[in-house]
Amino acid sequence: MYMITEQKALEEILGQMEGDCVVYILGCGTCPAVCQTGGKPEVLDMVERLTQAGKEVSGWMVAPTACDESTGQALKWNAELVQKADCVLVMACGYGVQTVVRHTEKPVYPALNTMFLGKEGAEGEFVELCLQCGACLLGLTAGICPITACAKSLVNGPCGGYRDGKCEVHPQRDCAWCQIFERLEKLGQRGKLQSIPVLKDYSKFCHPRHKVLI
């Protein structure tokens, strides 16, 4: 599973750094490297683009996993170059950005948009599988998540807009609820459809969430 990201437009990145002349860049060798948004090639490309835009890059590195606390130690090892910078540009997911924030007094800016948690599908394609809603229905829906797989996140069956087993919002995709129905029928578990709660408890999806281990 990977945290799926996309690069922000250069104009947006520069807008965040308005007034900052010297930049230190930190990439990530895990998820962004797989997504080709923040690995070494993308970091080097960002160095070149920022330089052409009139910024000075004091240094850069690609942390093995930017959201890991070891990133704090890596920043210490590169403290001299980080200190020369007015800000730190992080080419990692939102977790990586917030990790860097905990380890520097410099302004920290994201170079990426964090899209979703997903897995690799076809070549060059990533698929979202779980919205981490905190109230899992997979045991009643044949292992197919209606919150994620349905474009409308419907919990109680298909909308009135599906046609020939296809989604109303994305006609090229199969309707999630048709898939759920067909799989339950194949498993001889069609009766589980009557056990799905009428209302979903979205209070478990409030933010920020936390869990205390006792």
N, C-alpha and C. Protein backbone atom coordinates (compact mmCIF):
# COMPACT_ATOMS: atom_id res chain seq x y z
N MET A 1 0.84 -1.19 0.00
CA MET A 1 0.00 0.00 0.00
C MET A 1 0.88 1.24 0.00
N TYR A 2 0.44 2.25 -0.71
CA TYR A 2 1.21 3.49 -0.80
C TYR A 2 0.30 4.70 -0.54
N MET A 3 0.93 5.79 -0.05
CA MET A 3 0.24 7.06 0.03
C MET A 3 0.41 7.71 -1.34
N ILE A 4 -0.68 7.90 -2.06
CA ILE A 4 -0.62 8.38 -3.44
C ILE A 4 -0.59 9.90 -3.45
N THR A 5 0.36 10.45 -4.18
CA THR A 5 0.53 11.90 -4.24
C THR A 5 0.65 12.38 -5.69
N GLU A 6 0.46 13.68 -5.86
CA GLU A 6 0.70 14.32 -7.14
C GLU A 6 1.44 15.63 -6.87
N GLN A 7 2.24 16.08 -7.83
CA GLN A 7 2.97 17.33 -7.62
C GLN A 7 2.05 18.53 -7.79
N LYS A 8 2.25 19.51 -6.94
CA LYS A 8 1.56 20.78 -7.10
C LYS A 8 2.14 21.52 -8.30
N ALA A 9 1.37 22.42 -8.87
CA ALA A 9 1.88 23.27 -9.95
C ALA A 9 3.00 24.15 -9.39
N LEU A 10 4.01 24.42 -10.21
CA LEU A 10 5.14 25.21 -9.77
C LEU A 10 4.69 26.59 -9.27
N GLU A 11 3.68 27.15 -9.91
CA GLU A 11 3.18 28.47 -9.51
C GLU A 11 2.67 28.43 -8.07
N GLU A 12 1.99 27.36 -7.69
CA GLU A 12 1.48 27.23 -6.33
C GLU A 12 2.63 27.07 -5.33
N ILE A 13 3.62 26.27 -5.72
CA ILE A 13 4.79 26.07 -4.85
C ILE A 13 5.51 27.39 -4.61
N LEU A 14 5.72 28.14 -5.68
CA LEU A 14 6.40 29.43 -5.55
C LEU A 14 5.57 30.42 -4.73
N GLY A 15 4.25 30.34 -4.87
CA GLY A 15 3.38 31.22 -4.12
C GLY A 15 3.49 30.99 -2.61
N GLN A 16 3.67 29.72 -2.21
CA GLN A 16 3.84 29.40 -0.79
C GLN A 16 5.13 30.00 -0.25
N MET A 17 6.15 30.06 -1.12
CA MET A 17 7.49 30.48 -0.69
C MET A 17 7.76 31.95 -0.97
N GLU A 18 6.71 32.72 -1.18
CA GLU A 18 6.89 34.14 -1.47
C GLU A 18 7.69 34.81 -0.34
N GLY A 19 8.76 35.50 -0.70
CA GLY A 19 9.61 36.15 0.28
C GLY A 19 10.77 35.30 0.74
N ASP A 20 10.75 34.00 0.42
CA ASP A 20 11.85 33.10 0.76
C ASP A 20 12.75 32.93 -0.46
N CYS A 21 14.02 33.23 -0.29
CA CYS A 21 14.95 33.19 -1.42
C CYS A 21 15.74 31.89 -1.51
N VAL A 22 16.05 31.30 -0.34
CA VAL A 22 16.88 30.10 -0.29
C VAL A 22 16.05 28.92 0.21
N VAL A 23 16.12 27.81 -0.50
CA VAL A 23 15.26 26.66 -0.22
C VAL A 23 16.09 25.40 0.01
N TYR A 24 15.69 24.61 0.99
CA TYR A 24 16.25 23.27 1.16
C TYR A 24 15.14 22.29 0.76
N ILE A 25 15.48 21.28 -0.03
CA ILE A 25 14.46 20.35 -0.55
C ILE A 25 14.65 18.96 0.07
N LEU A 26 13.55 18.39 0.53
CA LEU A 26 13.58 17.04 1.10
C LEU A 26 12.57 16.17 0.36
N GLY A 27 13.07 15.09 -0.25
CA GLY A 27 12.20 14.14 -0.94
C GLY A 27 12.02 12.88 -0.11
N CYS A 28 11.31 11.92 -0.67
CA CYS A 28 11.02 10.67 0.05
C CYS A 28 11.27 9.48 -0.87
N GLY A 29 12.01 8.50 -0.35
CA GLY A 29 12.35 7.33 -1.16
C GLY A 29 11.34 6.22 -1.13
N THR A 30 10.19 6.46 -0.51
CA THR A 30 9.19 5.39 -0.41
C THR A 30 8.02 5.68 -1.36
N CYS A 31 6.90 6.10 -0.84
CA CYS A 31 5.70 6.29 -1.67
C CYS A 31 5.89 7.30 -2.80
N PRO A 32 6.43 8.51 -2.54
CA PRO A 32 6.60 9.47 -3.64
C PRO A 32 7.56 8.96 -4.72
N ALA A 33 8.52 8.14 -4.31
CA ALA A 33 9.44 7.57 -5.31
C ALA A 33 8.68 6.64 -6.25
N VAL A 34 7.77 5.84 -5.67
CA VAL A 34 6.96 4.92 -6.48
C VAL A 34 6.01 5.71 -7.39
N CYS A 35 5.43 6.79 -6.85
CA CYS A 35 4.49 7.63 -7.62
C CYS A 35 5.21 8.57 -8.59
N GLN A 36 6.55 8.60 -8.49
CA GLN A 36 7.37 9.49 -9.32
C GLN A 36 7.00 10.95 -9.10
N THR A 37 6.81 11.29 -7.81
CA THR A 37 6.48 12.66 -7.44
C THR A 37 7.50 13.28 -6.50
N GLY A 38 8.34 12.44 -5.86
CA GLY A 38 9.27 12.99 -4.89
C GLY A 38 10.51 12.15 -4.64
N GLY A 39 10.84 11.27 -5.58
CA GLY A 39 12.07 10.51 -5.48
C GLY A 39 13.25 11.34 -5.98
N LYS A 40 14.41 10.73 -6.10
CA LYS A 40 15.61 11.48 -6.49
C LYS A 40 15.47 12.20 -7.83
N PRO A 41 14.96 11.55 -8.90
CA PRO A 41 14.82 12.26 -10.18
C PRO A 41 13.93 13.49 -10.07
N GLU A 42 12.84 13.37 -9.30
CA GLU A 42 11.91 14.49 -9.17
C GLU A 42 12.51 15.61 -8.32
N VAL A 43 13.30 15.24 -7.30
CA VAL A 43 13.96 16.24 -6.47
C VAL A 43 14.97 17.03 -7.30
N LEU A 44 15.76 16.32 -8.11
CA LEU A 44 16.74 17.00 -8.96
C LEU A 44 16.05 17.90 -9.98
N ASP A 45 14.91 17.44 -10.50
CA ASP A 45 14.15 18.27 -11.43
C ASP A 45 13.63 19.52 -10.73
N MET A 46 13.19 19.38 -9.47
CA MET A 46 12.70 20.52 -8.71
C MET A 46 13.83 21.51 -8.44
N VAL A 47 15.02 21.00 -8.15
CA VAL A 47 16.19 21.88 -7.96
C VAL A 47 16.38 22.76 -9.19
N GLU A 48 16.32 22.13 -10.35
CA GLU A 48 16.53 22.87 -11.61
C GLU A 48 15.40 23.88 -11.84
N ARG A 49 14.16 23.48 -11.59
CA ARG A 49 13.04 24.39 -11.85
C ARG A 49 13.04 25.58 -10.89
N LEU A 50 13.38 25.33 -9.64
CA LEU A 50 13.42 26.44 -8.67
C LEU A 50 14.57 27.39 -8.98
N THR A 51 15.68 26.82 -9.41
CA THR A 51 16.83 27.64 -9.78
C THR A 51 16.48 28.55 -10.96
N GLN A 52 15.80 27.98 -11.95
CA GLN A 52 15.38 28.76 -13.11
C GLN A 52 14.37 29.84 -12.71
N ALA A 53 13.63 29.59 -11.64
CA ALA A 53 12.63 30.56 -11.17
C ALA A 53 13.25 31.62 -10.27
N GLY A 54 14.57 31.56 -10.08
CA GLY A 54 15.25 32.59 -9.30
C GLY A 54 15.50 32.25 -7.85
N LYS A 55 15.20 31.00 -7.44
CA LYS A 55 15.46 30.59 -6.07
C LYS A 55 16.85 29.97 -5.97
N GLU A 56 17.43 30.07 -4.80
CA GLU A 56 18.70 29.39 -4.52
C GLU A 56 18.41 28.15 -3.69
N VAL A 57 18.96 27.02 -4.09
CA VAL A 57 18.76 25.77 -3.35
C VAL A 57 20.01 25.50 -2.53
N SER A 58 19.88 25.53 -1.21
CA SER A 58 21.04 25.35 -0.34
C SER A 58 21.48 23.90 -0.28
N GLY A 59 20.55 23.00 -0.53
CA GLY A 59 20.87 21.57 -0.51
C GLY A 59 19.61 20.74 -0.66
N TRP A 60 19.79 19.44 -0.74
CA TRP A 60 18.63 18.55 -0.87
C TRP A 60 19.00 17.17 -0.36
N MET A 61 18.00 16.40 -0.05
CA MET A 61 18.20 14.99 0.29
C MET A 61 16.91 14.23 0.02
N VAL A 62 17.04 12.92 -0.11
CA VAL A 62 15.88 12.04 -0.23
C VAL A 62 15.89 11.13 0.99
N ALA A 63 14.99 11.39 1.93
CA ALA A 63 14.91 10.56 3.13
C ALA A 63 14.37 9.18 2.75
N PRO A 64 14.86 8.12 3.39
CA PRO A 64 14.34 6.78 3.07
C PRO A 64 12.82 6.72 3.19
N THR A 65 12.29 7.26 4.29
CA THR A 65 10.84 7.36 4.51
C THR A 65 10.59 8.67 5.24
N ALA A 66 10.10 9.68 4.53
CA ALA A 66 10.00 11.03 5.10
C ALA A 66 9.12 11.10 6.33
N CYS A 67 8.10 10.23 6.43
CA CYS A 67 7.19 10.28 7.57
C CYS A 67 7.72 9.54 8.78
N ASP A 68 8.91 8.94 8.67
CA ASP A 68 9.53 8.24 9.78
C ASP A 68 10.31 9.22 10.64
N GLU A 69 10.40 8.95 11.93
CA GLU A 69 11.10 9.85 12.83
C GLU A 69 12.60 9.92 12.55
N SER A 70 13.13 8.96 11.80
CA SER A 70 14.54 9.02 11.42
C SER A 70 14.84 10.24 10.56
N THR A 71 13.80 10.82 9.98
CA THR A 71 13.98 12.03 9.17
C THR A 71 14.52 13.17 10.04
N GLY A 72 14.13 13.19 11.30
CA GLY A 72 14.65 14.20 12.21
C GLY A 72 16.15 14.11 12.34
N GLN A 73 16.67 12.87 12.44
CA GLN A 73 18.11 12.67 12.53
C GLN A 73 18.80 13.08 11.23
N ALA A 74 18.15 12.77 10.10
CA ALA A 74 18.71 13.14 8.80
C ALA A 74 18.81 14.65 8.67
N LEU A 75 17.81 15.36 9.18
CA LEU A 75 17.86 16.82 9.14
C LEU A 75 19.00 17.35 10.01
N LYS A 76 19.28 16.70 11.12
CA LYS A 76 20.39 17.11 11.97
C LYS A 76 21.72 16.92 11.25
N TRP A 77 21.84 15.81 10.53
CA TRP A 77 23.07 15.55 9.78
C TRP A 77 23.30 16.62 8.70
N ASN A 78 22.20 17.18 8.20
CA ASN A 78 22.28 18.20 7.14
C ASN A 78 21.97 19.60 7.70
N ALA A 79 22.16 19.78 9.00
CA ALA A 79 21.75 21.01 9.68
C ALA A 79 22.38 22.25 9.07
N GLU A 80 23.63 22.17 8.65
CA GLU A 80 24.31 23.35 8.11
C GLU A 80 23.62 23.84 6.85
N LEU A 81 23.26 22.92 5.97
CA LEU A 81 22.59 23.30 4.72
C LEU A 81 21.15 23.75 4.98
N VAL A 82 20.49 23.10 5.93
CA VAL A 82 19.12 23.49 6.28
C VAL A 82 19.13 24.89 6.89
N GLN A 83 20.13 25.17 7.71
CA GLN A 83 20.22 26.46 8.38
C GLN A 83 20.41 27.60 7.40
N LYS A 84 21.07 27.34 6.29
CA LYS A 84 21.30 28.35 5.27
C LYS A 84 20.02 28.72 4.52
N ALA A 85 19.02 27.84 4.60
CA ALA A 85 17.78 28.04 3.84
C ALA A 85 16.78 28.91 4.61
N ASP A 86 15.93 29.58 3.84
CA ASP A 86 14.82 30.34 4.44
C ASP A 86 13.64 29.44 4.74
N CYS A 87 13.56 28.31 4.02
CA CYS A 87 12.43 27.40 4.18
C CYS A 87 12.81 26.01 3.73
N VAL A 88 11.97 25.04 4.04
CA VAL A 88 12.16 23.65 3.60
C VAL A 88 10.98 23.26 2.73
N LEU A 89 11.27 22.77 1.54
CA LEU A 89 10.23 22.28 0.63
C LEU A 89 10.23 20.76 0.70
N VAL A 90 9.10 20.18 1.09
CA VAL A 90 9.01 18.74 1.30
C VAL A 90 8.26 18.07 0.15
N MET A 91 8.94 17.18 -0.54
CA MET A 91 8.33 16.43 -1.64
C MET A 91 7.91 15.06 -1.11
N ALA A 92 6.91 15.09 -0.22
CA ALA A 92 6.40 13.88 0.41
C ALA A 92 4.93 14.10 0.72
N CYS A 93 4.30 13.08 1.29
CA CYS A 93 2.88 13.18 1.63
C CYS A 93 2.69 14.12 2.82
N GLY A 94 1.45 14.37 3.18
CA GLY A 94 1.15 15.24 4.30
C GLY A 94 1.76 14.78 5.60
N TYR A 95 1.89 13.45 5.78
CA TYR A 95 2.53 12.92 6.97
C TYR A 95 4.01 13.33 7.00
N GLY A 96 4.64 13.25 5.84
CA GLY A 96 6.04 13.63 5.76
C GLY A 96 6.24 15.11 6.07
N VAL A 97 5.36 15.95 5.54
CA VAL A 97 5.43 17.39 5.79
C VAL A 97 5.34 17.65 7.29
N GLN A 98 4.36 17.02 7.95
CA GLN A 98 4.15 17.25 9.38
C GLN A 98 5.29 16.68 10.22
N THR A 99 5.93 15.63 9.73
CA THR A 99 7.09 15.08 10.43
C THR A 99 8.24 16.08 10.39
N VAL A 100 8.48 16.69 9.23
CA VAL A 100 9.55 17.67 9.09
C VAL A 100 9.27 18.89 9.98
N VAL A 101 8.00 19.30 10.05
CA VAL A 101 7.63 20.45 10.88
C VAL A 101 8.07 20.24 12.33
N ARG A 102 7.99 19.00 12.81
CA ARG A 102 8.35 18.72 14.20
C ARG A 102 9.86 18.80 14.45
N HIS A 103 10.64 18.87 13.37
CA HIS A 103 12.09 18.80 13.54
C HIS A 103 12.83 20.03 13.01
N THR A 104 12.12 21.10 12.72
CA THR A 104 12.79 22.32 12.27
C THR A 104 11.97 23.54 12.65
N GLU A 105 12.66 24.64 12.86
CA GLU A 105 12.00 25.91 13.15
C GLU A 105 11.77 26.70 11.86
N LYS A 106 12.24 26.17 10.74
CA LYS A 106 12.07 26.84 9.45
C LYS A 106 10.64 26.67 8.95
N PRO A 107 10.16 27.59 8.13
CA PRO A 107 8.87 27.36 7.46
C PRO A 107 8.97 26.11 6.58
N VAL A 108 7.94 25.28 6.61
CA VAL A 108 7.93 24.03 5.83
C VAL A 108 6.74 24.07 4.87
N TYR A 109 7.02 23.80 3.59
CA TYR A 109 5.97 23.86 2.57
C TYR A 109 5.86 22.53 1.82
N PRO A 110 4.63 22.11 1.47
CA PRO A 110 4.45 20.88 0.69
C PRO A 110 4.61 21.14 -0.81
N ALA A 111 5.28 20.25 -1.48
CA ALA A 111 5.39 20.31 -2.93
C ALA A 111 4.38 19.38 -3.60
N LEU A 112 3.73 18.55 -2.77
CA LEU A 112 2.81 17.54 -3.30
C LEU A 112 1.42 17.68 -2.69
N ASN A 113 0.43 17.18 -3.40
CA ASN A 113 -0.92 17.00 -2.87
C ASN A 113 -1.07 15.53 -2.51
N THR A 114 -1.54 15.24 -1.30
CA THR A 114 -1.77 13.86 -0.88
C THR A 114 -3.17 13.45 -1.33
N MET A 115 -3.26 12.41 -2.15
CA MET A 115 -4.53 12.04 -2.77
C MET A 115 -5.29 10.96 -1.99
N PHE A 116 -4.65 9.81 -1.78
CA PHE A 116 -5.33 8.72 -1.09
C PHE A 116 -4.35 7.60 -0.78
N LEU A 117 -4.79 6.68 0.06
CA LEU A 117 -4.03 5.47 0.36
C LEU A 117 -4.50 4.39 -0.61
N GLY A 118 -3.58 3.82 -1.36
CA GLY A 118 -4.00 2.85 -2.37
C GLY A 118 -2.92 1.87 -2.73
N LYS A 119 -3.22 1.03 -3.70
CA LYS A 119 -2.26 0.02 -4.15
C LYS A 119 -2.09 0.12 -5.65
N GLU A 120 -1.03 -0.51 -6.14
CA GLU A 120 -0.76 -0.48 -7.58
C GLU A 120 -1.79 -1.34 -8.32
N GLY A 121 -2.30 -0.79 -9.41
CA GLY A 121 -3.21 -1.53 -10.27
C GLY A 121 -2.46 -1.90 -11.53
N ALA A 122 -2.98 -1.45 -12.67
CA ALA A 122 -2.26 -1.64 -13.93
C ALA A 122 -1.00 -0.78 -13.89
N GLU A 123 -0.10 -0.99 -14.85
CA GLU A 123 1.16 -0.25 -14.86
C GLU A 123 0.90 1.26 -14.87
N GLY A 124 1.55 1.95 -13.93
CA GLY A 124 1.40 3.40 -13.85
C GLY A 124 0.07 3.85 -13.29
N GLU A 125 -0.65 2.93 -12.64
CA GLU A 125 -1.99 3.25 -12.13
C GLU A 125 -2.11 2.83 -10.68
N PHE A 126 -2.78 3.63 -9.87
CA PHE A 126 -2.98 3.31 -8.47
C PHE A 126 -4.47 3.35 -8.16
N VAL A 127 -4.90 2.46 -7.27
CA VAL A 127 -6.32 2.30 -6.97
C VAL A 127 -6.56 2.50 -5.48
N GLU A 128 -7.53 3.37 -5.14
CA GLU A 128 -7.90 3.58 -3.75
C GLU A 128 -8.78 2.42 -3.29
N LEU A 129 -8.44 1.84 -2.14
CA LEU A 129 -9.18 0.68 -1.64
C LEU A 129 -9.92 0.95 -0.34
N CYS A 130 -9.40 1.84 0.50
CA CYS A 130 -9.98 2.03 1.82
C CYS A 130 -9.95 3.50 2.20
N LEU A 131 -11.08 4.02 2.70
CA LEU A 131 -11.17 5.41 3.12
C LEU A 131 -10.89 5.55 4.62
N GLN A 132 -10.63 4.41 5.28
CA GLN A 132 -10.32 4.40 6.71
C GLN A 132 -11.43 5.11 7.51
N CYS A 133 -12.66 4.68 7.27
CA CYS A 133 -13.81 5.36 7.85
C CYS A 133 -14.05 5.03 9.32
N GLY A 134 -13.43 3.96 9.83
CA GLY A 134 -13.57 3.62 11.24
C GLY A 134 -14.79 2.76 11.57
N ALA A 135 -15.60 2.42 10.58
CA ALA A 135 -16.78 1.57 10.81
C ALA A 135 -16.92 0.63 9.61
N CYS A 136 -16.07 -0.39 9.58
CA CYS A 136 -15.93 -1.26 8.40
C CYS A 136 -17.16 -2.13 8.14
N LEU A 137 -17.59 -2.15 6.87
CA LEU A 137 -18.75 -2.93 6.45
C LEU A 137 -18.37 -4.14 5.59
N LEU A 138 -17.08 -4.39 5.42
CA LEU A 138 -16.63 -5.41 4.48
C LEU A 138 -17.20 -6.79 4.76
N GLY A 139 -17.47 -7.09 6.03
CA GLY A 139 -18.03 -8.40 6.38
C GLY A 139 -19.44 -8.59 5.87
N LEU A 140 -20.13 -7.48 5.58
CA LEU A 140 -21.50 -7.56 5.08
C LEU A 140 -21.59 -7.31 3.58
N THR A 141 -20.50 -6.82 3.00
CA THR A 141 -20.54 -6.44 1.58
C THR A 141 -19.56 -7.25 0.73
N ALA A 142 -19.32 -8.49 1.15
CA ALA A 142 -18.50 -9.42 0.37
C ALA A 142 -17.08 -8.92 0.13
N GLY A 143 -16.57 -8.13 1.07
CA GLY A 143 -15.19 -7.67 0.95
C GLY A 143 -15.01 -6.53 -0.03
N ILE A 144 -16.10 -5.96 -0.52
CA ILE A 144 -16.03 -4.82 -1.45
C ILE A 144 -16.51 -3.59 -0.69
N CYS A 145 -15.69 -2.54 -0.62
CA CYS A 145 -16.02 -1.37 0.20
C CYS A 145 -16.93 -0.41 -0.56
N PRO A 146 -18.17 -0.23 -0.13
CA PRO A 146 -19.06 0.70 -0.83
C PRO A 146 -18.67 2.16 -0.59
N ILE A 147 -18.03 2.45 0.54
CA ILE A 147 -17.63 3.82 0.83
C ILE A 147 -16.58 4.30 -0.18
N THR A 148 -15.69 3.39 -0.55
CA THR A 148 -14.61 3.74 -1.47
C THR A 148 -14.96 3.42 -2.92
N ALA A 149 -15.52 2.25 -3.16
CA ALA A 149 -15.76 1.80 -4.54
C ALA A 149 -16.94 2.50 -5.21
N CYS A 150 -17.90 2.96 -4.41
CA CYS A 150 -19.05 3.69 -4.96
C CYS A 150 -18.71 5.17 -5.06
N ALA A 151 -18.93 5.76 -6.22
CA ALA A 151 -18.59 7.18 -6.43
C ALA A 151 -19.36 8.09 -5.47
N LYS A 152 -20.52 7.63 -5.00
CA LYS A 152 -21.34 8.43 -4.08
C LYS A 152 -21.23 7.95 -2.63
N SER A 153 -20.38 6.93 -2.40
CA SER A 153 -20.19 6.34 -1.07
C SER A 153 -21.52 5.90 -0.46
N LEU A 154 -22.40 5.34 -1.28
CA LEU A 154 -23.71 4.89 -0.79
C LEU A 154 -23.57 3.62 0.04
N VAL A 155 -24.32 3.56 1.15
CA VAL A 155 -24.22 2.43 2.06
C VAL A 155 -25.35 1.42 1.86
N ASN A 156 -26.48 1.86 1.33
CA ASN A 156 -27.66 0.99 1.27
C ASN A 156 -28.10 0.66 -0.14
N GLY A 157 -27.18 0.22 -0.95
CA GLY A 157 -27.55 -0.23 -2.28
C GLY A 157 -27.32 0.81 -3.35
N PRO A 158 -27.47 0.42 -4.61
CA PRO A 158 -27.16 1.33 -5.73
C PRO A 158 -28.14 2.49 -5.84
N CYS A 159 -27.67 3.57 -6.44
CA CYS A 159 -28.55 4.72 -6.71
C CYS A 159 -29.43 4.38 -7.91
N GLY A 160 -30.32 5.27 -8.24
CA GLY A 160 -31.22 5.02 -9.36
C GLY A 160 -30.61 5.33 -10.71
N GLY A 161 -29.35 5.77 -10.70
CA GLY A 161 -28.74 6.21 -11.95
C GLY A 161 -27.86 5.18 -12.63
N TYR A 162 -27.62 4.03 -11.98
CA TYR A 162 -26.75 3.03 -12.62
C TYR A 162 -27.47 2.40 -13.81
N ARG A 163 -26.70 2.03 -14.82
CA ARG A 163 -27.27 1.43 -16.03
C ARG A 163 -26.43 0.24 -16.48
N ASP A 164 -27.07 -0.88 -16.67
CA ASP A 164 -26.38 -2.08 -17.16
C ASP A 164 -25.15 -2.41 -16.32
N GLY A 165 -25.29 -2.24 -15.02
CA GLY A 165 -24.19 -2.59 -14.12
C GLY A 165 -23.08 -1.57 -14.07
N LYS A 166 -23.27 -0.40 -14.69
CA LYS A 166 -22.23 0.63 -14.73
C LYS A 166 -22.62 1.83 -13.86
N CYS A 167 -21.61 2.52 -13.39
CA CYS A 167 -21.78 3.67 -12.50
C CYS A 167 -22.33 4.88 -13.24
N GLU A 168 -23.24 5.60 -12.60
CA GLU A 168 -23.80 6.81 -13.21
C GLU A 168 -22.75 7.90 -13.32
N VAL A 169 -21.90 8.04 -12.29
CA VAL A 169 -20.90 9.10 -12.27
C VAL A 169 -19.74 8.80 -13.22
N HIS A 170 -19.30 7.54 -13.21
CA HIS A 170 -18.20 7.10 -14.08
C HIS A 170 -18.69 5.91 -14.91
N PRO A 171 -19.33 6.16 -16.04
CA PRO A 171 -19.96 5.09 -16.82
C PRO A 171 -19.01 3.98 -17.28
N GLN A 172 -17.70 4.25 -17.25
CA GLN A 172 -16.75 3.22 -17.66
C GLN A 172 -16.47 2.22 -16.53
N ARG A 173 -16.92 2.55 -15.31
CA ARG A 173 -16.66 1.69 -14.16
C ARG A 173 -17.88 0.85 -13.81
N ASP A 174 -17.62 -0.33 -13.25
CA ASP A 174 -18.71 -1.17 -12.78
C ASP A 174 -19.31 -0.56 -11.53
N CYS A 175 -20.61 -0.67 -11.39
CA CYS A 175 -21.29 -0.20 -10.19
C CYS A 175 -20.84 -1.05 -9.00
N ALA A 176 -20.39 -0.40 -7.95
CA ALA A 176 -19.89 -1.12 -6.77
C ALA A 176 -20.97 -2.01 -6.17
N TRP A 177 -22.21 -1.50 -6.12
CA TRP A 177 -23.27 -2.29 -5.50
C TRP A 177 -23.71 -3.47 -6.35
N CYS A 178 -23.57 -3.34 -7.66
CA CYS A 178 -23.82 -4.51 -8.51
C CYS A 178 -22.77 -5.59 -8.25
N GLN A 179 -21.52 -5.15 -8.06
CA GLN A 179 -20.45 -6.09 -7.75
C GLN A 179 -20.70 -6.76 -6.40
N ILE A 180 -21.14 -5.98 -5.43
CA ILE A 180 -21.42 -6.52 -4.10
C ILE A 180 -22.55 -7.55 -4.18
N PHE A 181 -23.63 -7.20 -4.86
CA PHE A 181 -24.77 -8.10 -4.99
C PHE A 181 -24.37 -9.41 -5.67
N GLU A 182 -23.63 -9.30 -6.78
CA GLU A 182 -23.23 -10.49 -7.54
C GLU A 182 -22.32 -11.40 -6.72
N ARG A 183 -21.39 -10.79 -5.95
CA ARG A 183 -20.47 -11.62 -5.16
C ARG A 183 -21.20 -12.27 -3.99
N LEU A 184 -22.10 -11.53 -3.33
CA LEU A 184 -22.86 -12.12 -2.24
C LEU A 184 -23.72 -13.28 -2.74
N GLU A 185 -24.33 -13.10 -3.90
CA GLU A 185 -25.16 -14.17 -4.47
C GLU A 185 -24.31 -15.39 -4.80
N LYS A 186 -23.13 -15.15 -5.34
CA LYS A 186 -22.23 -16.26 -5.69
C LYS A 186 -21.79 -17.01 -4.44
N LEU A 187 -21.65 -16.28 -3.32
CA LEU A 187 -21.22 -16.89 -2.07
C LEU A 187 -22.38 -17.49 -1.28
N GLY A 188 -23.59 -17.29 -1.78
CA GLY A 188 -24.77 -17.77 -1.07
C GLY A 188 -25.05 -16.95 0.18
N GLN A 189 -24.66 -15.68 0.16
CA GLN A 189 -24.81 -14.80 1.33
C GLN A 189 -25.68 -13.57 1.03
N ARG A 190 -26.57 -13.70 0.08
CA ARG A 190 -27.39 -12.56 -0.31
C ARG A 190 -28.17 -11.97 0.85
N GLY A 191 -28.51 -12.80 1.83
CA GLY A 191 -29.27 -12.34 2.99
C GLY A 191 -28.54 -11.29 3.81
N LYS A 192 -27.22 -11.20 3.67
CA LYS A 192 -26.46 -10.21 4.43
C LYS A 192 -26.84 -8.78 4.06
N LEU A 193 -27.42 -8.61 2.87
CA LEU A 193 -27.83 -7.27 2.46
C LEU A 193 -28.84 -6.67 3.43
N GLN A 194 -29.61 -7.55 4.12
CA GLN A 194 -30.62 -7.07 5.05
C GLN A 194 -30.03 -6.71 6.41
N SER A 195 -28.73 -7.01 6.59
CA SER A 195 -28.09 -6.73 7.88
C SER A 195 -27.32 -5.42 7.87
N ILE A 196 -27.22 -4.78 6.71
CA ILE A 196 -26.47 -3.53 6.61
C ILE A 196 -27.23 -2.43 7.35
N PRO A 197 -26.56 -1.69 8.24
CA PRO A 197 -27.24 -0.63 8.99
C PRO A 197 -27.90 0.40 8.07
N VAL A 198 -29.07 0.87 8.48
CA VAL A 198 -29.77 1.88 7.69
C VAL A 198 -28.93 3.17 7.64
N LEU A 199 -28.31 3.50 8.77
CA LEU A 199 -27.46 4.70 8.86
C LEU A 199 -26.05 4.28 9.23
N LYS A 200 -25.08 4.92 8.63
CA LYS A 200 -23.68 4.65 8.96
C LYS A 200 -23.22 5.62 10.04
N ASP A 201 -22.45 5.11 10.99
CA ASP A 201 -21.96 5.93 12.10
C ASP A 201 -20.74 6.71 11.64
N TYR A 202 -20.98 7.91 11.12
CA TYR A 202 -19.87 8.74 10.63
C TYR A 202 -19.16 9.48 11.76
N SER A 203 -19.63 9.33 13.02
CA SER A 203 -18.93 9.97 14.12
C SER A 203 -17.54 9.39 14.29
N LYS A 204 -17.35 8.14 13.82
CA LYS A 204 -16.03 7.51 13.90
C LYS A 204 -15.07 8.05 12.85
N PHE A 205 -15.59 8.89 11.97
CA PHE A 205 -14.78 9.45 10.89
C PHE A 205 -14.45 10.92 11.15
N CYS A 206 -14.74 11.39 12.39
CA CYS A 206 -14.45 12.77 12.71
C CYS A 206 -12.93 12.99 12.83
N HIS A 207 -12.50 14.20 12.65
CA HIS A 207 -11.06 14.49 12.65
C HIS A 207 -10.71 15.53 13.70
N PRO A 208 -9.48 15.50 14.26
CA PRO A 208 -8.48 14.45 14.06
C PRO A 208 -8.83 13.23 14.92
N ARG A 209 -8.60 12.03 14.39
CA ARG A 209 -8.89 10.82 15.12
C ARG A 209 -7.66 10.37 15.91
N HIS A 210 -7.88 9.63 16.99
CA HIS A 210 -6.77 9.07 17.72
C HIS A 210 -7.24 7.81 18.43
N LYS A 211 -6.29 6.99 18.81
CA LYS A 211 -6.59 5.75 19.52
C LYS A 211 -5.60 5.61 20.66
N VAL A 212 -6.10 5.32 21.84
CA VAL A 212 -5.25 5.15 23.01
C VAL A 212 -5.15 3.67 23.33
N LEU A 213 -3.94 3.13 23.41
CA LEU A 213 -3.73 1.74 23.78
C LEU A 213 -3.64 1.64 25.30
N ILE A 214 -4.48 0.80 25.87
CA ILE A 214 -4.49 0.65 27.33
C ILE A 214 -3.80 -0.65 27.71
